[in-house]
């Protein structure tokens, strides 16, 4: 494997990491934003009211998009093992 191929492989791996992490992080961000707006509107400043819904939403997202994530990782792994 040449230096250029190694750099290309690492670039693909980082790009895949970003693509796979995006749905979970976006759901966490949106859930946190909604919780913050509700806390501001009701003037209830409790840390767990923001933290627990984010965890639940992110876990639910992982369950929903998990098969897609695994298939993408398997494709990447197969491509890595197939390359000379």
PDB file of N, CA and C in Angstrom:
ATOM      1  N   UNK A   1       0.853  -1.173   0.000  1.00  0.00           N
ATOM      2  CA  UNK A   1       0.000   0.000   0.000  1.00  0.00           C
ATOM      3  C   UNK A   1       0.895   1.231   0.000  1.00  0.00           C
ATOM      4  N   UNK A   2       0.642   2.080  -0.955  1.00  0.00           N
ATOM      5  CA  UNK A   2       1.434   3.298  -1.061  1.00  0.00           C
ATOM      6  C   UNK A   2       0.914   4.359  -0.105  1.00  0.00           C
ATOM      7  N   UNK A   3       1.684   5.406   0.015  1.00  0.00           N
ATOM      8  CA  UNK A   3       1.304   6.493   0.913  1.00  0.00           C
ATOM      9  C   UNK A   3       0.003   7.162   0.463  1.00  0.00           C
ATOM     10  N   UNK A   4      -0.179   7.316  -0.836  1.00  0.00           N
ATOM     11  CA  UNK A   4      -1.400   7.927  -1.364  1.00  0.00           C
ATOM     12  C   UNK A   4      -2.630   7.078  -1.092  1.00  0.00           C
ATOM     13  N   UNK A   5      -2.485   5.759  -1.235  1.00  0.00           N
ATOM     14  CA  UNK A   5      -3.611   4.859  -0.944  1.00  0.00           C
ATOM     15  C   UNK A   5      -3.968   4.887   0.529  1.00  0.00           C
ATOM     16  N   UNK A   6      -2.951   4.950   1.390  1.00  0.00           N
ATOM     17  CA  UNK A   6      -3.193   5.017   2.826  1.00  0.00           C
ATOM     18  C   UNK A   6      -3.930   6.294   3.201  1.00  0.00           C
ATOM     19  N   UNK A   7      -3.516   7.402   2.644  1.00  0.00           N
ATOM     20  CA  UNK A   7      -4.182   8.683   2.913  1.00  0.00           C
ATOM     21  C   UNK A   7      -5.616   8.654   2.412  1.00  0.00           C
ATOM     22  N   UNK A   8      -5.848   8.062   1.235  1.00  0.00           N
ATOM     23  CA  UNK A   8      -7.202   7.954   0.698  1.00  0.00           C
ATOM     24  C   UNK A   8      -8.072   7.069   1.578  1.00  0.00           C
ATOM     25  N   UNK A   9      -7.515   5.972   2.070  1.00  0.00           N
ATOM     26  CA  UNK A   9      -8.263   5.073   2.950  1.00  0.00           C
ATOM     27  C   UNK A   9      -8.622   5.767   4.261  1.00  0.00           C
ATOM     28  N   UNK A  10      -7.684   6.496   4.833  1.00  0.00           N
ATOM     29  CA  UNK A  10      -7.968   7.233   6.068  1.00  0.00           C
ATOM     30  C   UNK A  10      -9.011   8.322   5.846  1.00  0.00           C
ATOM     31  N   UNK A  11      -8.948   8.967   4.680  1.00  0.00           N
ATOM     32  CA  UNK A  11      -9.956   9.990   4.358  1.00  0.00           C
ATOM     33  C   UNK A  11     -11.337   9.368   4.275  1.00  0.00           C
ATOM     34  N   UNK A  12     -11.430   8.203   3.631  1.00  0.00           N
ATOM     35  CA  UNK A  12     -12.713   7.500   3.530  1.00  0.00           C
ATOM     36  C   UNK A  12     -13.226   7.083   4.910  1.00  0.00           C
ATOM     37  N   UNK A  13     -12.322   6.642   5.776  1.00  0.00           N
ATOM     38  CA  UNK A  13     -12.716   6.218   7.120  1.00  0.00           C
ATOM     39  C   UNK A  13     -13.249   7.398   7.936  1.00  0.00           C
ATOM     40  N   UNK A  14     -12.581   8.533   7.850  1.00  0.00           N
ATOM     41  CA  UNK A  14     -13.041   9.716   8.584  1.00  0.00           C
ATOM     42  C   UNK A  14     -14.376  10.200   8.035  1.00  0.00           C
ATOM     43  N   UNK A  15     -14.523  10.189   6.726  1.00  0.00           N
ATOM     44  CA  UNK A  15     -15.791  10.598   6.118  1.00  0.00           C
ATOM     45  C   UNK A  15     -16.924   9.668   6.545  1.00  0.00           C
ATOM     46  N   UNK A  16     -16.654   8.369   6.577  1.00  0.00           N
ATOM     47  CA  UNK A  16     -17.663   7.410   7.037  1.00  0.00           C
ATOM     48  C   UNK A  16     -18.025   7.657   8.489  1.00  0.00           C
ATOM     49  N   UNK A  17     -17.038   7.960   9.311  1.00  0.00           N
ATOM     50  CA  UNK A  17     -17.291   8.264  10.716  1.00  0.00           C
ATOM     51  C   UNK A  17     -18.221   9.468  10.857  1.00  0.00           C
ATOM     52  N   UNK A  18     -17.977  10.494  10.080  1.00  0.00           N
ATOM     53  CA  UNK A  18     -18.819  11.698  10.135  1.00  0.00           C
ATOM     54  C   UNK A  18     -20.238  11.382   9.675  1.00  0.00           C
ATOM     55  N   UNK A  19     -20.364  10.617   8.598  1.00  0.00           N
ATOM     56  CA  UNK A  19     -21.688  10.270   8.067  1.00  0.00           C
ATOM     57  C   UNK A  19     -22.466   9.418   9.065  1.00  0.00           C
ATOM     58  N   UNK A  20     -21.796   8.480   9.723  1.00  0.00           N
ATOM     59  CA  UNK A  20     -22.488   7.602  10.663  1.00  0.00           C
ATOM     60  C   UNK A  20     -22.858   8.317  11.958  1.00  0.00           C
ATOM     61  N   UNK A  21     -22.069   9.271  12.379  1.00  0.00           N
ATOM     62  CA  UNK A  21     -22.345   9.974  13.638  1.00  0.00           C
ATOM     63  C   UNK A  21     -23.390  11.074  13.475  1.00  0.00           C
ATOM     64  N   UNK A  22     -23.578  11.573  12.278  1.00  0.00           N
ATOM     65  CA  UNK A  22     -24.454  12.727  12.054  1.00  0.00           C
ATOM     66  C   UNK A  22     -25.899  12.517  12.509  1.00  0.00           C
ATOM     67  N   UNK A  23     -26.583  11.418  12.164  1.00  0.00           N
ATOM     68  CA  UNK A  23     -27.985  11.302  12.587  1.00  0.00           C
ATOM     69  C   UNK A  23     -28.166  11.319  14.104  1.00  0.00           C
ATOM     70  N   UNK A  24     -27.311  10.618  14.814  1.00  0.00           N
ATOM     71  CA  UNK A  24     -27.434  10.546  16.271  1.00  0.00           C
ATOM     72  C   UNK A  24     -27.147  11.907  16.891  1.00  0.00           C
ATOM     73  N   UNK A  25     -26.118  12.570  16.421  1.00  0.00           N
ATOM     74  CA  UNK A  25     -25.778  13.881  16.972  1.00  0.00           C
ATOM     75  C   UNK A  25     -26.830  14.936  16.655  1.00  0.00           C
ATOM     76  N   UNK A  26     -27.405  14.884  15.460  1.00  0.00           N
ATOM     77  CA  UNK A  26     -28.457  15.847  15.115  1.00  0.00           C
ATOM     78  C   UNK A  26     -29.695  15.662  15.979  1.00  0.00           C
ATOM     79  N   UNK A  27     -30.069  14.405  16.229  1.00  0.00           N
ATOM     80  CA  UNK A  27     -31.223  14.146  17.080  1.00  0.00           C
ATOM     81  C   UNK A  27     -30.944  14.639  18.495  1.00  0.00           C
ATOM     82  N   UNK A  28     -29.746  14.405  18.999  1.00  0.00           N
ATOM     83  CA  UNK A  28     -29.381  14.902  20.329  1.00  0.00           C
ATOM     84  C   UNK A  28     -29.410  16.417  20.392  1.00  0.00           C
ATOM     85  N   UNK A  29     -28.933  17.055  19.337  1.00  0.00           N
ATOM     86  CA  UNK A  29     -28.934  18.514  19.282  1.00  0.00           C
ATOM     87  C   UNK A  29     -30.349  19.070  19.263  1.00  0.00           C
ATOM     88  N   UNK A  30     -31.194  18.505  18.410  1.00  0.00           N
ATOM     89  CA  UNK A  30     -32.576  18.996  18.318  1.00  0.00           C
ATOM     90  C   UNK A  30     -33.357  18.734  19.599  1.00  0.00           C
ATOM     91  N   UNK A  31     -33.149  17.570  20.205  1.00  0.00           N
ATOM     92  CA  UNK A  31     -33.833  17.259  21.455  1.00  0.00           C
ATOM     93  C   UNK A  31     -33.381  18.206  22.562  1.00  0.00           C
ATOM     94  N   UNK A  32     -32.091  18.480  22.625  1.00  0.00           N
ATOM     95  CA  UNK A  32     -31.583  19.426  23.613  1.00  0.00           C
ATOM     96  C   UNK A  32     -32.124  20.824  23.402  1.00  0.00           C
ATOM     97  N   UNK A  33     -32.257  21.220  22.143  1.00  0.00           N
ATOM     98  CA  UNK A  33     -32.795  22.546  21.837  1.00  0.00           C
ATOM     99  C   UNK A  33     -34.257  22.662  22.273  1.00  0.00           C
ATOM    100  N   UNK A  34     -35.046  21.636  21.972  1.00  0.00           N
ATOM    101  CA  UNK A  34     -36.457  21.637  22.380  1.00  0.00           C
ATOM    102  C   UNK A  34     -36.569  21.651  23.905  1.00  0.00           C
ATOM    103  N   UNK A  35     -35.759  20.845  24.578  1.00  0.00           N
ATOM    104  CA  UNK A  35     -35.792  20.813  26.040  1.00  0.00           C
ATOM    105  C   UNK A  35     -35.388  22.158  26.628  1.00  0.00           C
ATOM    106  N   UNK A  36     -34.395  22.802  26.030  1.00  0.00           N
ATOM    107  CA  UNK A  36     -33.957  24.110  26.523  1.00  0.00           C
ATOM    108  C   UNK A  36     -35.041  25.169  26.349  1.00  0.00           C
ATOM    109  N   UNK A  37     -35.733  25.129  25.215  1.00  0.00           N
ATOM    110  CA  UNK A  37     -36.810  26.095  24.987  1.00  0.00           C
ATOM    111  C   UNK A  37     -37.942  25.866  25.992  1.00  0.00           C
ATOM    112  N   UNK A  38     -38.289  24.605  26.228  1.00  0.00           N
ATOM    113  CA  UNK A  38     -39.342  24.309  27.214  1.00  0.00           C
ATOM    114  C   UNK A  38     -38.914  24.709  28.622  1.00  0.00           C
ATOM    115  N   UNK A  39     -37.656  24.494  28.969  1.00  0.00           N
ATOM    116  CA  UNK A  39     -37.175  24.900  30.289  1.00  0.00           C
ATOM    117  C   UNK A  39     -37.185  26.422  30.434  1.00  0.00           C
ATOM    118  N   UNK A  40     -36.842  27.101  29.372  1.00  0.00           N
ATOM    119  CA  UNK A  40     -36.856  28.566  29.422  1.00  0.00           C
ATOM    120  C   UNK A  40     -38.283  29.093  29.526  1.00  0.00           C
ATOM    121  N   UNK A  41     -39.186  28.474  28.804  1.00  0.00           N
ATOM    122  CA  UNK A  41     -40.586  28.933  28.831  1.00  0.00           C
ATOM    123  C   UNK A  41     -41.227  28.685  30.188  1.00  0.00           C
ATOM    124  N   UNK A  42     -40.882  27.577  30.821  1.00  0.00           N
ATOM    125  CA  UNK A  42     -41.497  27.253  32.115  1.00  0.00           C
ATOM    126  C   UNK A  42     -40.647  27.700  33.293  1.00  0.00           C
ATOM    127  N   UNK A  43     -39.446  28.186  33.036  1.00  0.00           N
ATOM    128  CA  UNK A  43     -38.501  28.634  34.048  1.00  0.00           C
ATOM    129  C   UNK A  43     -38.152  27.527  35.048  1.00  0.00           C
ATOM    130  N   UNK A  44     -38.133  26.293  34.560  1.00  0.00           N
ATOM    131  CA  UNK A  44     -37.692  25.165  35.362  1.00  0.00           C
ATOM    132  C   UNK A  44     -36.276  24.836  34.925  1.00  0.00           C
ATOM    133  N   UNK A  45     -35.317  25.038  35.798  1.00  0.00           N
ATOM    134  CA  UNK A  45     -33.911  24.820  35.443  1.00  0.00           C
ATOM    135  C   UNK A  45     -33.386  23.559  36.134  1.00  0.00           C
ATOM    136  N   UNK A  46     -33.825  22.432  35.660  1.00  0.00           N
ATOM    137  CA  UNK A  46     -33.389  21.142  36.192  1.00  0.00           C
ATOM    138  C   UNK A  46     -32.550  20.441  35.129  1.00  0.00           C
ATOM    139  N   UNK A  47     -31.333  20.005  35.493  1.00  0.00           N
ATOM    140  CA  UNK A  47     -30.406  19.404  34.541  1.00  0.00           C
ATOM    141  C   UNK A  47     -30.953  18.122  33.923  1.00  0.00           C
ATOM    142  N   UNK A  48     -31.628  17.299  34.718  1.00  0.00           N
ATOM    143  CA  UNK A  48     -32.087  16.005  34.211  1.00  0.00           C
ATOM    144  C   UNK A  48     -33.204  16.149  33.186  1.00  0.00           C
ATOM    145  N   UNK A  49     -33.929  17.251  33.215  1.00  0.00           N
ATOM    146  CA  UNK A  49     -34.997  17.457  32.234  1.00  0.00           C
ATOM    147  C   UNK A  49     -34.440  17.636  30.831  1.00  0.00           C
ATOM    148  N   UNK A  50     -33.197  18.000  30.725  1.00  0.00           N
ATOM    149  CA  UNK A  50     -32.568  18.126  29.416  1.00  0.00           C
ATOM    150  C   UNK A  50     -31.778  16.869  29.062  1.00  0.00           C
ATOM    151  N   UNK A  51     -31.167  16.253  30.039  1.00  0.00           N
ATOM    152  CA  UNK A  51     -30.256  15.139  29.814  1.00  0.00           C
ATOM    153  C   UNK A  51     -30.980  13.842  29.466  1.00  0.00           C
ATOM    154  N   UNK A  52     -31.997  13.490  30.216  1.00  0.00           N
ATOM    155  CA  UNK A  52     -32.702  12.214  30.026  1.00  0.00           C
ATOM    156  C   UNK A  52     -33.401  12.132  28.660  1.00  0.00           C
ATOM    157  N   UNK A  53     -34.139  13.144  28.232  1.00  0.00           N
ATOM    158  CA  UNK A  53     -34.757  13.053  26.899  1.00  0.00           C
ATOM    159  C   UNK A  53     -33.729  12.924  25.772  1.00  0.00           C
ATOM    160  N   UNK A  54     -32.571  13.587  25.925  1.00  0.00           N
ATOM    161  CA  UNK A  54     -31.529  13.464  24.900  1.00  0.00           C
ATOM    162  C   UNK A  54     -31.018  12.035  24.815  1.00  0.00           C
ATOM    163  N   UNK A  55     -30.778  11.413  25.947  1.00  0.00           N
ATOM    164  CA  UNK A  55     -30.289  10.031  25.944  1.00  0.00           C
ATOM    165  C   UNK A  55     -31.316   9.099  25.320  1.00  0.00           C
ATOM    166  N   UNK A  56     -32.570   9.267  25.696  1.00  0.00           N
ATOM    167  CA  UNK A  56     -33.626   8.405  25.153  1.00  0.00           C
ATOM    168  C   UNK A  56     -33.757   8.597  23.643  1.00  0.00           C
ATOM    169  N   UNK A  57     -33.748   9.838  23.198  1.00  0.00           N
ATOM    170  CA  UNK A  57     -33.885  10.114  21.760  1.00  0.00           C
ATOM    171  C   UNK A  57     -32.692   9.579  20.977  1.00  0.00           C
ATOM    172  N   UNK A  58     -31.498   9.711  21.529  1.00  0.00           N
ATOM    173  CA  UNK A  58     -30.309   9.230  20.828  1.00  0.00           C
ATOM    174  C   UNK A  58     -30.272   7.699  20.784  1.00  0.00           C
ATOM    175  N   UNK A  59     -30.700   7.048  21.857  1.00  0.00           N
ATOM    176  CA  UNK A  59     -30.763   5.586  21.845  1.00  0.00           C
ATOM    177  C   UNK A  59     -31.813   5.097  20.850  1.00  0.00           C
ATOM    178  N   UNK A  60     -32.942   5.768  20.800  1.00  0.00           N
ATOM    179  CA  UNK A  60     -33.982   5.413  19.838  1.00  0.00           C
ATOM    180  C   UNK A  60     -33.474   5.590  18.401  1.00  0.00           C
ATOM    181  N   UNK A  61     -32.727   6.647  18.166  1.00  0.00           N
ATOM    182  CA  UNK A  61     -32.148   6.874  16.851  1.00  0.00           C
ATOM    183  C   UNK A  61     -31.154   5.771  16.503  1.00  0.00           C
ATOM    184  N   UNK A  62     -30.349   5.362  17.478  1.00  0.00           N
ATOM    185  CA  UNK A  62     -29.416   4.267  17.240  1.00  0.00           C
ATOM    186  C   UNK A  62     -30.141   2.980  16.874  1.00  0.00           C
ATOM    187  N   UNK A  63     -31.263   2.726  17.529  1.00  0.00           N
ATOM    188  CA  UNK A  63     -32.042   1.524  17.212  1.00  0.00           C
ATOM    189  C   UNK A  63     -32.606   1.611  15.792  1.00  0.00           C
ATOM    190  N   UNK A  64     -33.070   2.788  15.417  1.00  0.00           N
ATOM    191  CA  UNK A  64     -33.682   2.949  14.097  1.00  0.00           C
ATOM    192  C   UNK A  64     -32.667   2.942  12.955  1.00  0.00           C
ATOM    193  N   UNK A  65     -31.547   3.612  13.125  1.00  0.00           N
ATOM    194  CA  UNK A  65     -30.568   3.698  12.038  1.00  0.00           C
ATOM    195  C   UNK A  65     -29.406   2.728  12.220  1.00  0.00           C
ATOM    196  N   UNK A  66     -29.436   1.926  13.264  1.00  0.00           N
ATOM    197  CA  UNK A  66     -28.371   0.972  13.527  1.00  0.00           C
ATOM    198  C   UNK A  66     -28.115  -0.003  12.392  1.00  0.00           C
ATOM    199  N   UNK A  67     -29.142  -0.625  11.828  1.00  0.00           N
ATOM    200  CA  UNK A  67     -28.887  -1.538  10.705  1.00  0.00           C
ATOM    201  C   UNK A  67     -28.215  -0.854   9.516  1.00  0.00           C
ATOM    202  N   UNK A  68     -28.613   0.362   9.226  1.00  0.00           N
ATOM    203  CA  UNK A  68     -27.977   1.105   8.137  1.00  0.00           C
ATOM    204  C   UNK A  68     -26.509   1.377   8.468  1.00  0.00           C
ATOM    205  N   UNK A  69     -26.236   1.755   9.716  1.00  0.00           N
ATOM    206  CA  UNK A  69     -24.868   2.028  10.136  1.00  0.00           C
ATOM    207  C   UNK A  69     -23.998   0.771  10.021  1.00  0.00           C
ATOM    208  N   UNK A  70     -24.534  -0.345  10.471  1.00  0.00           N
ATOM    209  CA  UNK A  70     -23.780  -1.590  10.414  1.00  0.00           C
ATOM    210  C   UNK A  70     -23.515  -2.004   8.974  1.00  0.00           C
ATOM    211  N   UNK A  71     -24.514  -1.838   8.104  1.00  0.00           N
ATOM    212  CA  UNK A  71     -24.303  -2.214   6.704  1.00  0.00           C
ATOM    213  C   UNK A  71     -23.219  -1.348   6.067  1.00  0.00           C
ATOM    214  N   UNK A  72     -23.191  -0.071   6.388  1.00  0.00           N
ATOM    215  CA  UNK A  72     -22.146   0.808   5.855  1.00  0.00           C
ATOM    216  C   UNK A  72     -20.769   0.393   6.372  1.00  0.00           C
ATOM    217  N   UNK A  73     -20.690   0.032   7.660  1.00  0.00           N
ATOM    218  CA  UNK A  73     -19.414  -0.404   8.219  1.00  0.00           C
ATOM    219  C   UNK A  73     -18.952  -1.720   7.601  1.00  0.00           C
ATOM    220  N   UNK A  74     -19.890  -2.637   7.366  1.00  0.00           N
ATOM    221  CA  UNK A  74     -19.543  -3.913   6.746  1.00  0.00           C
ATOM    222  C   UNK A  74     -19.035  -3.686   5.319  1.00  0.00           C
ATOM    223  N   UNK A  75     -19.705  -2.803   4.575  1.00  0.00           N
ATOM    224  CA  UNK A  75     -19.249  -2.480   3.223  1.00  0.00           C
ATOM    225  C   UNK A  75     -17.829  -1.922   3.242  1.00  0.00           C
ATOM    226  N   UNK A  76     -17.570  -1.035   4.178  1.00  0.00           N
ATOM    227  CA  UNK A  76     -16.234  -0.444   4.282  1.00  0.00           C
ATOM    228  C   UNK A  76     -15.207  -1.509   4.650  1.00  0.00           C
ATOM    229  N   UNK A  77     -15.544  -2.372   5.596  1.00  0.00           N
ATOM    230  CA  UNK A  77     -14.638  -3.436   5.996  1.00  0.00           C
ATOM    231  C   UNK A  77     -14.336  -4.408   4.859  1.00  0.00           C
ATOM    232  N   UNK A  78     -15.365  -4.768   4.116  1.00  0.00           N
ATOM    233  CA  UNK A  78     -15.162  -5.661   2.965  1.00  0.00           C
ATOM    234  C   UNK A  78     -14.268  -5.005   1.914  1.00  0.00           C
ATOM    235  N   UNK A  79     -14.471  -3.721   1.698  1.00  0.00           N
ATOM    236  CA  UNK A  79     -13.638  -3.017   0.728  1.00  0.00           C
ATOM    237  C   UNK A  79     -12.180  -2.961   1.200  1.00  0.00           C
ATOM    238  N   UNK A  80     -11.979  -2.828   2.510  1.00  0.00           N
ATOM    239  CA  UNK A  80     -10.619  -2.786   3.034  1.00  0.00           C
ATOM    240  C   UNK A  80      -9.926  -4.143   2.887  1.00  0.00           C
ATOM    241  N   UNK A  81     -10.657  -5.219   3.162  1.00  0.00           N
ATOM    242  CA  UNK A  81     -10.061  -6.554   3.054  1.00  0.00           C
ATOM    243  C   UNK A  81      -9.895  -6.993   1.594  1.00  0.00           C
ATOM    244  N   UNK A  82     -10.707  -6.447   0.716  1.00  0.00           N
ATOM    245  CA  UNK A  82     -10.627  -6.813  -0.697  1.00  0.00           C
ATOM    246  C   UNK A  82      -9.523  -6.071  -1.433  1.00  0.00           C
ATOM    247  N   UNK A  83      -9.126  -4.937  -0.888  1.00  0.00           N
ATOM    248  CA  UNK A  83      -8.090  -4.155  -1.573  1.00  0.00           C
ATOM    249  C   UNK A  83      -6.725  -4.823  -1.399  1.00  0.00           C
ATOM    250  N   UNK A  84      -5.931  -4.801  -2.450  1.00  0.00           N
ATOM    251  CA  UNK A  84      -4.606  -5.461  -2.382  1.00  0.00           C
ATOM    252  C   UNK A  84      -3.603  -4.695  -1.546  1.00  0.00           C
TER     253      UNK A  84
END
